[in-house]
Amino acid sequence: SVREVCGYAPNNVNTMAVAAMAAPHLGFDQVEA
């Protein structure tokens, strides 16, 4: 999940976090990374 990878590589995966924010019905748990 994007939520998990944000904890491992916060400086590298901002693009993934933006996508999770832009699709709140999926969010950080359901957008796959």
PDB file of all heavy atoms in Angstrom:
ATOM      1  N   SER A   1       0.823  -1.204   0.000  1.00  0.00           N
ATOM      2  CA  SER A   1       0.000   0.000   0.000  1.00  0.00           C
ATOM      3  C   SER A   1       0.863   1.264   0.000  1.00  0.00           C
ATOM      4  O   SER A   1       2.015   1.258   0.441  1.00  0.00           O
ATOM      5  CB  SER A   1      -0.911   0.022   1.236  1.00  0.00           C
ATOM      6  OG  SER A   1      -0.152   0.287   2.408  1.00  0.00           O
ATOM      7  N   VAL A   2       0.280   2.352  -0.479  1.00  0.00           N
ATOM      8  CA  VAL A   2       0.969   3.639  -0.437  1.00  0.00           C
ATOM      9  C   VAL A   2       1.230   4.054   1.009  1.00  0.00           C
ATOM     10  O   VAL A   2       2.287   4.610   1.327  1.00  0.00           O
ATOM     11  CB  VAL A   2       0.157   4.720  -1.183  1.00  0.00           C
ATOM     12  CG1 VAL A   2       0.745   6.107  -0.946  1.00  0.00           C
ATOM     13  CG2 VAL A   2       0.118   4.419  -2.674  1.00  0.00           C
ATOM     14  N   ARG A   3       0.308   3.760   1.901  1.00  0.00           N
ATOM     15  CA  ARG A   3       0.503   4.138   3.297  1.00  0.00           C
ATOM     16  C   ARG A   3       1.791   3.515   3.857  1.00  0.00           C
ATOM     17  O   ARG A   3       2.582   4.179   4.539  1.00  0.00           O
ATOM     18  CB  ARG A   3      -0.693   3.707   4.160  1.00  0.00           C
ATOM     19  CG  ARG A   3      -0.617   4.318   5.568  1.00  0.00           C
ATOM     20  CD  ARG A   3      -1.798   3.935   6.437  1.00  0.00           C
ATOM     21  NE  ARG A   3      -3.099   4.208   5.870  1.00  0.00           N
ATOM     22  CZ  ARG A   3      -3.674   5.419   5.856  1.00  0.00           C
ATOM     23  NH1 ARG A   3      -3.038   6.454   6.359  1.00  0.00           N
ATOM     24  NH2 ARG A   3      -4.875   5.572   5.327  1.00  0.00           N
ATOM     25  N   GLU A   4       2.013   2.246   3.546  1.00  0.00           N
ATOM     26  CA  GLU A   4       3.190   1.573   4.089  1.00  0.00           C
ATOM     27  C   GLU A   4       4.479   2.114   3.468  1.00  0.00           C
ATOM     28  O   GLU A   4       5.462   2.373   4.177  1.00  0.00           O
ATOM     29  CB  GLU A   4       3.092   0.068   3.860  1.00  0.00           C
ATOM     30  CG  GLU A   4       4.205  -0.721   4.535  1.00  0.00           C
ATOM     31  CD  GLU A   4       4.049  -2.223   4.368  1.00  0.00           C
ATOM     32  OE1 GLU A   4       3.147  -2.660   3.623  1.00  0.00           O
ATOM     33  OE2 GLU A   4       4.849  -2.955   4.994  1.00  0.00           O
ATOM     34  N   VAL A   5       4.497   2.309   2.159  1.00  0.00           N
ATOM     35  CA  VAL A   5       5.736   2.758   1.517  1.00  0.00           C
ATOM     36  C   VAL A   5       6.087   4.187   1.905  1.00  0.00           C
ATOM     37  O   VAL A   5       7.258   4.569   1.914  1.00  0.00           O
ATOM     38  CB  VAL A   5       5.656   2.602  -0.017  1.00  0.00           C
ATOM     39  CG1 VAL A   5       4.862   3.730  -0.660  1.00  0.00           C
ATOM     40  CG2 VAL A   5       7.057   2.541  -0.620  1.00  0.00           C
ATOM     41  N   CYS A   6       5.101   4.998   2.263  1.00  0.00           N
ATOM     42  CA  CYS A   6       5.387   6.367   2.719  1.00  0.00           C
ATOM     43  C   CYS A   6       6.245   6.348   3.987  1.00  0.00           C
ATOM     44  O   CYS A   6       7.043   7.267   4.206  1.00  0.00           O
ATOM     45  CB  CYS A   6       4.087   7.123   2.995  1.00  0.00           C
ATOM     46  SG  CYS A   6       3.254   7.734   1.509  1.00  0.00           S
ATOM     47  N   GLY A   7       6.081   5.331   4.799  1.00  0.00           N
ATOM     48  CA  GLY A   7       6.894   5.214   5.998  1.00  0.00           C
ATOM     49  C   GLY A   7       8.313   4.769   5.712  1.00  0.00           C
ATOM     50  O   GLY A   7       9.236   5.086   6.465  1.00  0.00           O
ATOM     51  N   TYR A   8       8.504   4.040   4.616  1.00  0.00           N
ATOM     52  CA  TYR A   8       9.818   3.517   4.277  1.00  0.00           C
ATOM     53  C   TYR A   8      10.643   4.490   3.419  1.00  0.00           C
ATOM     54  O   TYR A   8      11.877   4.459   3.466  1.00  0.00           O
ATOM     55  CB  TYR A   8       9.681   2.202   3.503  1.00  0.00           C
ATOM     56  CG  TYR A   8       9.145   1.046   4.308  1.00  0.00           C
ATOM     57  CD1 TYR A   8       8.409   0.038   3.687  1.00  0.00           C
ATOM     58  CD2 TYR A   8       9.370   0.948   5.679  1.00  0.00           C
ATOM     59  CE1 TYR A   8       7.915  -1.046   4.411  1.00  0.00           C
ATOM     60  CE2 TYR A   8       8.886  -0.129   6.411  1.00  0.00           C
ATOM     61  CZ  TYR A   8       8.154  -1.117   5.770  1.00  0.00           C
ATOM     62  OH  TYR A   8       7.672  -2.178   6.492  1.00  0.00           O
ATOM     63  N   ALA A   9       9.974   5.306   2.615  1.00  0.00           N
ATOM     64  CA  ALA A   9      10.691   6.178   1.674  1.00  0.00           C
ATOM     65  C   ALA A   9       9.968   7.515   1.526  1.00  0.00           C
ATOM     66  O   ALA A   9       9.543   7.885   0.427  1.00  0.00           O
ATOM     67  CB  ALA A   9      10.826   5.485   0.316  1.00  0.00           C
ATOM     68  N   PRO A  10       9.810   8.273   2.613  1.00  0.00           N
ATOM     69  CA  PRO A  10       9.003   9.500   2.560  1.00  0.00           C
ATOM     70  C   PRO A  10       9.517  10.553   1.592  1.00  0.00           C
ATOM     71  O   PRO A  10       8.737  11.355   1.078  1.00  0.00           O
ATOM     72  CB  PRO A  10       9.042  10.008   4.005  1.00  0.00           C
ATOM     73  CG  PRO A  10      10.260   9.378   4.607  1.00  0.00           C
ATOM     74  CD  PRO A  10      10.363   8.036   3.962  1.00  0.00           C
ATOM     75  N   ASN A  11      10.838  10.558   1.304  1.00  0.00           N
ATOM     76  CA  ASN A  11      11.382  11.552   0.386  1.00  0.00           C
ATOM     77  C   ASN A  11      11.282  11.147  -1.071  1.00  0.00           C
ATOM     78  O   ASN A  11      11.537  11.963  -1.961  1.00  0.00           O
ATOM     79  CB  ASN A  11      12.852  11.833   0.726  1.00  0.00           C
ATOM     80  CG  ASN A  11      13.012  12.508   2.070  1.00  0.00           C
ATOM     81  OD1 ASN A  11      12.188  13.312   2.461  1.00  0.00           O
ATOM     82  ND2 ASN A  11      14.061  12.161   2.793  1.00  0.00           N
ATOM     83  N   ASN A  12      10.925   9.886  -1.331  1.00  0.00           N
ATOM     84  CA  ASN A  12      10.903   9.388  -2.700  1.00  0.00           C
ATOM     85  C   ASN A  12       9.507   9.227  -3.286  1.00  0.00           C
ATOM     86  O   ASN A  12       9.360   9.178  -4.508  1.00  0.00           O
ATOM     87  CB  ASN A  12      11.603   8.024  -2.786  1.00  0.00           C
ATOM     88  CG  ASN A  12      13.100   8.116  -2.626  1.00  0.00           C
ATOM     89  OD1 ASN A  12      13.677   7.483  -1.737  1.00  0.00           O
ATOM     90  ND2 ASN A  12      13.759   8.881  -3.469  1.00  0.00           N
ATOM     91  N   VAL A  13       8.484   9.107  -2.440  1.00  0.00           N
ATOM     92  CA  VAL A  13       7.190   8.654  -2.947  1.00  0.00           C
ATOM     93  C   VAL A  13       6.081   9.692  -2.787  1.00  0.00           C
ATOM     94  O   VAL A  13       4.912   9.346  -2.659  1.00  0.00           O
ATOM     95  CB  VAL A  13       6.785   7.314  -2.292  1.00  0.00           C
ATOM     96  CG1 VAL A  13       7.789   6.230  -2.644  1.00  0.00           C
ATOM     97  CG2 VAL A  13       6.646   7.452  -0.786  1.00  0.00           C
ATOM     98  N   ASN A  14       6.436  10.975  -2.836  1.00  0.00           N
ATOM     99  CA  ASN A  14       5.408  12.017  -2.758  1.00  0.00           C
ATOM    100  C   ASN A  14       4.385  11.894  -3.882  1.00  0.00           C
ATOM    101  O   ASN A  14       3.205  12.189  -3.689  1.00  0.00           O
ATOM    102  CB  ASN A  14       6.057  13.398  -2.779  1.00  0.00           C
ATOM    103  CG  ASN A  14       6.623  13.787  -1.428  1.00  0.00           C
ATOM    104  OD1 ASN A  14       5.913  13.807  -0.423  1.00  0.00           O
ATOM    105  ND2 ASN A  14       7.903  14.091  -1.383  1.00  0.00           N
ATOM    106  N   THR A  15       4.835  11.465  -5.055  1.00  0.00           N
ATOM    107  CA  THR A  15       3.914  11.285  -6.182  1.00  0.00           C
ATOM    108  C   THR A  15       2.823  10.283  -5.827  1.00  0.00           C
ATOM    109  O   THR A  15       1.648  10.484  -6.159  1.00  0.00           O
ATOM    110  CB  THR A  15       4.681  10.810  -7.418  1.00  0.00           C
ATOM    111  OG1 THR A  15       5.655  11.795  -7.777  1.00  0.00           O
ATOM    112  CG2 THR A  15       3.738  10.586  -8.596  1.00  0.00           C
ATOM    113  N   MET A  16       3.185   9.220  -5.157  1.00  0.00           N
ATOM    114  CA  MET A  16       2.207   8.223  -4.745  1.00  0.00           C
ATOM    115  C   MET A  16       1.222   8.816  -3.744  1.00  0.00           C
ATOM    116  O   MET A  16       0.011   8.560  -3.804  1.00  0.00           O
ATOM    117  CB  MET A  16       2.915   7.015  -4.131  1.00  0.00           C
ATOM    118  CG  MET A  16       3.792   6.236  -5.098  1.00  0.00           C
ATOM    119  SD  MET A  16       4.564   4.824  -4.270  1.00  0.00           S
ATOM    120  CE  MET A  16       5.407   4.028  -5.648  1.00  0.00           C
ATOM    121  N   ALA A  17       1.731   9.630  -2.817  1.00  0.00           N
ATOM    122  CA  ALA A  17       0.864  10.251  -1.818  1.00  0.00           C
ATOM    123  C   ALA A  17      -0.130  11.211  -2.456  1.00  0.00           C
ATOM    124  O   ALA A  17      -1.296  11.281  -2.051  1.00  0.00           O
ATOM    125  CB  ALA A  17       1.713  10.980  -0.783  1.00  0.00           C
ATOM    126  N   VAL A  18       0.310  11.961  -3.471  1.00  0.00           N
ATOM    127  CA  VAL A  18      -0.597  12.868  -4.181  1.00  0.00           C
ATOM    128  C   VAL A  18      -1.735  12.079  -4.819  1.00  0.00           C
ATOM    129  O   VAL A  18      -2.907  12.468  -4.748  1.00  0.00           O
ATOM    130  CB  VAL A  18       0.163  13.671  -5.254  1.00  0.00           C
ATOM    131  CG1 VAL A  18      -0.815  14.486  -6.106  1.00  0.00           C
ATOM    132  CG2 VAL A  18       1.179  14.605  -4.608  1.00  0.00           C
ATOM    133  N   ALA A  19      -1.407  10.962  -5.438  1.00  0.00           N
ATOM    134  CA  ALA A  19      -2.437  10.130  -6.068  1.00  0.00           C
ATOM    135  C   ALA A  19      -3.437   9.617  -5.038  1.00  0.00           C
ATOM    136  O   ALA A  19      -4.650   9.598  -5.287  1.00  0.00           O
ATOM    137  CB  ALA A  19      -1.785   8.962  -6.804  1.00  0.00           C
ATOM    138  N   ALA A  20      -2.949   9.213  -3.874  1.00  0.00           N
ATOM    139  CA  ALA A  20      -3.840   8.729  -2.826  1.00  0.00           C
ATOM    140  C   ALA A  20      -4.754   9.838  -2.325  1.00  0.00           C
ATOM    141  O   ALA A  20      -5.931   9.607  -2.031  1.00  0.00           O
ATOM    142  CB  ALA A  20      -3.022   8.146  -1.679  1.00  0.00           C
ATOM    143  N   MET A  21      -4.222  11.062  -2.224  1.00  0.00           N
ATOM    144  CA  MET A  21      -5.038  12.199  -1.798  1.00  0.00           C
ATOM    145  C   MET A  21      -6.084  12.547  -2.856  1.00  0.00           C
ATOM    146  O   MET A  21      -7.205  12.945  -2.535  1.00  0.00           O
ATOM    147  CB  MET A  21      -4.143  13.409  -1.547  1.00  0.00           C
ATOM    148  CG  MET A  21      -3.265  13.315  -0.324  1.00  0.00           C
ATOM    149  SD  MET A  21      -4.186  13.557   1.217  1.00  0.00           S
ATOM    150  CE  MET A  21      -4.509  15.332   1.138  1.00  0.00           C
ATOM    151  N   ALA A  22      -5.713  12.406  -4.130  1.00  0.00           N
ATOM    152  CA  ALA A  22      -6.608  12.779  -5.226  1.00  0.00           C
ATOM    153  C   ALA A  22      -7.731  11.768  -5.427  1.00  0.00           C
ATOM    154  O   ALA A  22      -8.738  12.080  -6.074  1.00  0.00           O
ATOM    155  CB  ALA A  22      -5.815  12.931  -6.528  1.00  0.00           C
ATOM    156  N   ALA A  23      -7.572  10.575  -4.890  1.00  0.00           N
ATOM    157  CA  ALA A  23      -8.604   9.540  -4.985  1.00  0.00           C
ATOM    158  C   ALA A  23      -8.973   9.101  -3.565  1.00  0.00           C
ATOM    159  O   ALA A  23      -8.663   7.986  -3.141  1.00  0.00           O
ATOM    160  CB  ALA A  23      -8.099   8.352  -5.800  1.00  0.00           C
ATOM    161  N   PRO A  24      -9.634   9.971  -2.799  1.00  0.00           N
ATOM    162  CA  PRO A  24      -9.864   9.686  -1.382  1.00  0.00           C
ATOM    163  C   PRO A  24     -10.720   8.448  -1.123  1.00  0.00           C
ATOM    164  O   PRO A  24     -10.655   7.880  -0.027  1.00  0.00           O
ATOM    165  CB  PRO A  24     -10.551  10.965  -0.880  1.00  0.00           C
ATOM    166  CG  PRO A  24     -11.123  11.616  -2.097  1.00  0.00           C
ATOM    167  CD  PRO A  24     -10.180  11.280  -3.213  1.00  0.00           C
ATOM    168  N   HIS A  25     -11.521   8.032  -2.095  1.00  0.00           N
ATOM    169  CA  HIS A  25     -12.323   6.817  -1.887  1.00  0.00           C
ATOM    170  C   HIS A  25     -11.432   5.573  -1.885  1.00  0.00           C
ATOM    171  O   HIS A  25     -11.816   4.528  -1.347  1.00  0.00           O
ATOM    172  CB  HIS A  25     -13.395   6.696  -2.966  1.00  0.00           C
ATOM    173  CG  HIS A  25     -12.862   6.497  -4.345  1.00  0.00           C
ATOM    174  ND1 HIS A  25     -12.147   7.471  -5.022  1.00  0.00           N
ATOM    175  CD2 HIS A  25     -12.934   5.429  -5.189  1.00  0.00           C
ATOM    176  CE1 HIS A  25     -11.808   7.014  -6.215  1.00  0.00           C
ATOM    177  NE2 HIS A  25     -12.264   5.775  -6.329  1.00  0.00           N
ATOM    178  N   LEU A  26     -10.238   5.670  -2.485  1.00  0.00           N
ATOM    179  CA  LEU A  26      -9.250   4.594  -2.409  1.00  0.00           C
ATOM    180  C   LEU A  26      -8.265   4.880  -1.282  1.00  0.00           C
ATOM    181  O   LEU A  26      -8.007   4.034  -0.436  1.00  0.00           O
ATOM    182  CB  LEU A  26      -8.498   4.462  -3.740  1.00  0.00           C
ATOM    183  CG  LEU A  26      -9.329   4.079  -4.964  1.00  0.00           C
ATOM    184  CD1 LEU A  26      -8.455   4.084  -6.220  1.00  0.00           C
ATOM    185  CD2 LEU A  26      -9.979   2.714  -4.785  1.00  0.00           C
ATOM    186  N   GLY A  27      -7.714   6.091  -1.289  1.00  0.00           N
ATOM    187  CA  GLY A  27      -6.848   6.531  -0.212  1.00  0.00           C
ATOM    188  C   GLY A  27      -5.530   5.786  -0.128  1.00  0.00           C
ATOM    189  O   GLY A  27      -5.141   5.027  -1.016  1.00  0.00           O
ATOM    190  N   PHE A  28      -4.847   5.988   0.963  1.00  0.00           N
ATOM    191  CA  PHE A  28      -3.507   5.453   1.138  1.00  0.00           C
ATOM    192  C   PHE A  28      -3.482   3.941   1.302  1.00  0.00           C
ATOM    193  O   PHE A  28      -2.456   3.310   1.059  1.00  0.00           O
ATOM    194  CB  PHE A  28      -2.844   6.118   2.351  1.00  0.00           C
ATOM    195  CG  PHE A  28      -2.397   7.528   2.105  1.00  0.00           C
ATOM    196  CD1 PHE A  28      -3.298   8.583   2.190  1.00  0.00           C
ATOM    197  CD2 PHE A  28      -1.084   7.813   1.769  1.00  0.00           C
ATOM    198  CE1 PHE A  28      -2.896   9.887   1.951  1.00  0.00           C
ATOM    199  CE2 PHE A  28      -0.671   9.113   1.527  1.00  0.00           C
ATOM    200  CZ  PHE A  28      -1.571  10.153   1.620  1.00  0.00           C
ATOM    201  N   ASP A  29      -4.593   3.347   1.709  1.00  0.00           N
ATOM    202  CA  ASP A  29      -4.598   1.902   1.925  1.00  0.00           C
ATOM    203  C   ASP A  29      -4.919   1.108   0.665  1.00  0.00           C
ATOM    204  O   ASP A  29      -4.469  -0.030   0.521  1.00  0.00           O
ATOM    205  CB  ASP A  29      -5.604   1.543   3.021  1.00  0.00           C
ATOM    206  CG  ASP A  29      -5.145   2.004   4.395  1.00  0.00           C
ATOM    207  OD1 ASP A  29      -3.975   1.766   4.730  1.00  0.00           O
ATOM    208  OD2 ASP A  29      -5.945   2.634   5.109  1.00  0.00           O
ATOM    209  N   GLN A  30      -5.695   1.688  -0.247  1.00  0.00           N
ATOM    210  CA  GLN A  30      -6.135   0.923  -1.411  1.00  0.00           C
ATOM    211  C   GLN A  30      -5.405   1.274  -2.699  1.00  0.00           C
ATOM    212  O   GLN A  30      -5.503   0.522  -3.674  1.00  0.00           O
ATOM    213  CB  GLN A  30      -7.645   1.105  -1.608  1.00  0.00           C
ATOM    214  CG  GLN A  30      -8.470   0.501  -0.484  1.00  0.00           C
ATOM    215  CD  GLN A  30      -9.952   0.570  -0.775  1.00  0.00           C
ATOM    216  OE1 GLN A  30     -10.437   0.070  -1.779  1.00  0.00           O
ATOM    217  NE2 GLN A  30     -10.686   1.227   0.106  1.00  0.00           N
ATOM    218  N   VAL A  31      -4.685   2.399  -2.754  1.00  0.00           N
ATOM    219  CA  VAL A  31      -3.832   2.648  -3.907  1.00  0.00           C
ATOM    220  C   VAL A  31      -2.580   1.792  -3.735  1.00  0.00           C
ATOM    221  O   VAL A  31      -1.898   1.868  -2.714  1.00  0.00           O
ATOM    222  CB  VAL A  31      -3.449   4.138  -4.024  1.00  0.00           C
ATOM    223  CG1 VAL A  31      -2.462   4.340  -5.173  1.00  0.00           C
ATOM    224  CG2 VAL A  31      -4.687   4.981  -4.263  1.00  0.00           C
ATOM    225  N   GLU A  32      -2.294   0.958  -4.729  1.00  0.00           N
ATOM    226  CA  GLU A  32      -1.175   0.024  -4.639  1.00  0.00           C
ATOM    227  C   GLU A  32       0.117   0.691  -5.101  1.00  0.00           C
ATOM    228  O   GLU A  32       0.125   1.476  -6.044  1.00  0.00           O
ATOM    229  CB  GLU A  32      -1.449  -1.225  -5.476  1.00  0.00           C
ATOM    230  CG  GLU A  32      -2.647  -2.027  -4.984  1.00  0.00           C
ATOM    231  CD  GLU A  32      -2.859  -3.285  -5.798  1.00  0.00           C
ATOM    232  OE1 GLU A  32      -1.947  -3.658  -6.576  1.00  0.00           O
ATOM    233  OE2 GLU A  32      -3.938  -3.900  -5.667  1.00  0.00           O
ATOM    234  N   ALA A  33       1.212   0.357  -4.431  1.00  0.00           N
ATOM    235  CA  ALA A  33       2.510   0.959  -4.714  1.00  0.00           C
ATOM    236  C   ALA A  33       3.547  -0.121  -5.010  1.00  0.00           C
ATOM    237  O   ALA A  33       3.575  -1.164  -4.358  1.00  0.00           O
ATOM    238  CB  ALA A  33       2.967   1.799  -3.521  1.00  0.00           C
TER     239      ALA A  33
END
